[in-house]
C-alpha atoms as a PDB file:
ATOM      1  CA  MET A   1      -0.010   0.048  -0.031  1.00  0.00           C
ATOM      2  CA  LEU A   2       2.714   2.430   0.926  1.00  0.00           C
ATOM      3  CA  ASN A   3       4.993   1.487  -1.923  1.00  0.00           C
ATOM      4  CA  ASN A   4       3.070   3.538  -4.431  1.00  0.00           C
ATOM      5  CA  ILE A   5       2.962   6.926  -2.613  1.00  0.00           C
ATOM      6  CA  GLY A   6       5.522   8.726  -4.717  1.00  0.00           C
ATOM      7  CA  LEU A   7       6.583  12.365  -4.619  1.00  0.00           C
ATOM      8  CA  PRO A   8       3.057  13.895  -5.272  1.00  0.00           C
ATOM      9  CA  GLY A   9       1.718  11.863  -2.468  1.00  0.00           C
ATOM     10  CA  LEU A  10       4.416  12.876   0.081  1.00  0.00           C
ATOM     11  CA  LEU A  11       3.986  16.464  -0.994  1.00  0.00           C
ATOM     12  CA  LEU A  12       0.209  16.223  -0.322  1.00  0.00           C
ATOM     13  CA  ILE A  13       0.755  14.624   2.987  1.00  0.00           C
ATOM     14  CA  ALA A  14       3.234  17.384   3.961  1.00  0.00           C
ATOM     15  CA  ILE A  15       0.766  20.159   2.973  1.00  0.00           C
ATOM     16  CA  VAL A  16      -2.041  18.514   4.957  1.00  0.00           C
ATOM     17  CA  VAL A  17       0.194  18.210   8.068  1.00  0.00           C
ATOM     18  CA  LEU A  18       1.321  21.803   7.759  1.00  0.00           C
ATOM     19  CA  VAL A  19      -2.217  23.043   7.444  1.00  0.00           C
ATOM     20  CA  LEU A  20      -3.464  20.975  10.432  1.00  0.00           C
ATOM     21  CA  PHE A  21      -0.609  21.762  12.884  1.00  0.00           C
ATOM     22  CA  GLY A  22       0.803  25.049  11.704  1.00  0.00           C
ATOM     23  CA  ARG A  23       4.385  26.064  11.190  1.00  0.00           C
ATOM     24  CA  GLY A  24       5.074  26.649  14.849  1.00  0.00           C
ATOM     25  CA  LYS A  25       4.076  23.379  16.175  1.00  0.00           C
ATOM     26  CA  ILE A  26       5.919  21.454  13.512  1.00  0.00           C
ATOM     27  CA  SER A  27       9.153  23.348  14.186  1.00  0.00           C
ATOM     28  CA  SER A  28       8.910  22.840  17.841  1.00  0.00           C
ATOM     29  CA  LEU A  29       8.137  19.125  17.293  1.00  0.00           C
ATOM     30  CA  MET A  30      11.133  18.745  15.002  1.00  0.00           C
ATOM     31  CA  GLY A  31      13.375  20.481  17.643  1.00  0.00           C
ATOM     32  CA  GLU A  32      12.108  17.963  20.255  1.00  0.00           C
ATOM     33  CA  VAL A  33      12.858  15.106  17.868  1.00  0.00           C
ATOM     34  CA  GLY A  34      16.344  16.440  17.356  1.00  0.00           C
ATOM     35  CA  LYS A  35      16.887  16.704  21.183  1.00  0.00           C
ATOM     36  CA  GLY A  36      15.687  13.138  21.611  1.00  0.00           C
ATOM     37  CA  ILE A  37      18.039  11.791  18.860  1.00  0.00           C
ATOM     38  CA  THR A  38      20.966  13.638  20.414  1.00  0.00           C
ATOM     39  CA  ALA A  39      20.088  12.272  23.889  1.00  0.00           C
ATOM     40  CA  PHE A  40      19.824   8.658  22.373  1.00  0.00           C
ATOM     41  CA  LYS A  41      23.124   8.944  20.683  1.00  0.00           C
ATOM     42  CA  LYS A  42      24.763  10.175  23.860  1.00  0.00           C
ATOM     43  CA  GLY A  43      23.252   7.268  25.823  1.00  0.00           C
ATOM     44  CA  VAL A  44      24.528   4.804  23.302  1.00  0.00           C
ATOM     45  CA  LYS A  45      28.048   6.181  23.447  1.00  0.00           C
ATOM     46  CA  ASP A  46      27.932   6.331  27.264  1.00  0.00           C
ATOM     47  CA  GLY A  47      26.698   2.772  27.326  1.00  0.00           C
ATOM     48  CA  SER A  48      29.323   1.379  25.007  1.00  0.00           C
ATOM     49  CA  ALA A  49      32.039   3.279  27.047  1.00  0.00           C
ATOM     50  CA  GLU A  50      30.691   1.735  30.149  1.00  0.00           C
ATOM     51  CA  LEU A  51      30.901  -1.710  28.699  1.00  0.00           C
ATOM     52  CA  ASP A  52      34.481  -1.135  27.485  1.00  0.00           C
ATOM     53  CA  ASP A  53      35.397   0.009  30.915  1.00  0.00           C
ATOM     54  CA  LYS A  54      33.887  -3.166  32.420  1.00  0.00           C
ATOM     55  CA  SER A  55      35.681  -5.333  29.959  1.00  0.00           C
ATOM     56  CA  ASP A  56      38.987  -3.652  30.796  1.00  0.00           C
ATOM     57  CA  THR A  57      38.614  -4.260  34.518  1.00  0.00           C
ATOM     58  CA  ALA A  58      37.637  -7.865  33.938  1.00  0.00           C
ATOM     59  CA  ALA A  59      40.800  -8.509  32.046  1.00  0.00           C
ATOM     60  CA  ARG A  60      43.137  -7.363  34.754  1.00  0.00           C
ATOM     61  CA  ASP A  61      45.308  -9.679  36.739  1.00  0.00           C
ATOM     62  CA  VAL A  62      43.727  -9.827  40.137  1.00  0.00           C
ATOM     63  CA  THR A  63      45.790 -12.555  41.613  1.00  0.00           C
ATOM     64  CA  PRO A  64      46.768 -11.689  45.219  1.00  0.00           C
ATOM     65  CA  GLU A  65      50.371 -10.946  45.963  1.00  0.00           C
ATOM     66  CA  ALA A  66      50.816 -13.927  48.196  1.00  0.00           C
ATOM     67  CA  GLU A  67      49.821 -16.355  45.473  1.00  0.00           C
ATOM     68  CA  LYS A  68      52.031 -14.605  42.874  1.00  0.00           C
ATOM     69  CA  ASP A  69      55.087 -15.274  45.082  1.00  0.00           C
ATOM     70  CA  LYS A  70      54.204 -19.063  45.207  1.00  0.00           C
ATOM     71  CA  VAL A  71      54.333 -19.404  41.439  1.00  0.00           C
END
């Protein structure tokens, strides 16, 4: 169904949305979407950095000093 929209259909949808909501509402909505995308990207970056930190600490040698002397 959505495969046959084409450029004229998208333009018609854009005009209808613009008439219904107005330029101010759409611009504020797009600003909020942009903030959401930025927050999502920051969260993904922080999450991957946290996972990298955890893997770095897991790979450390944590053998107690007393056992190192025995070997």
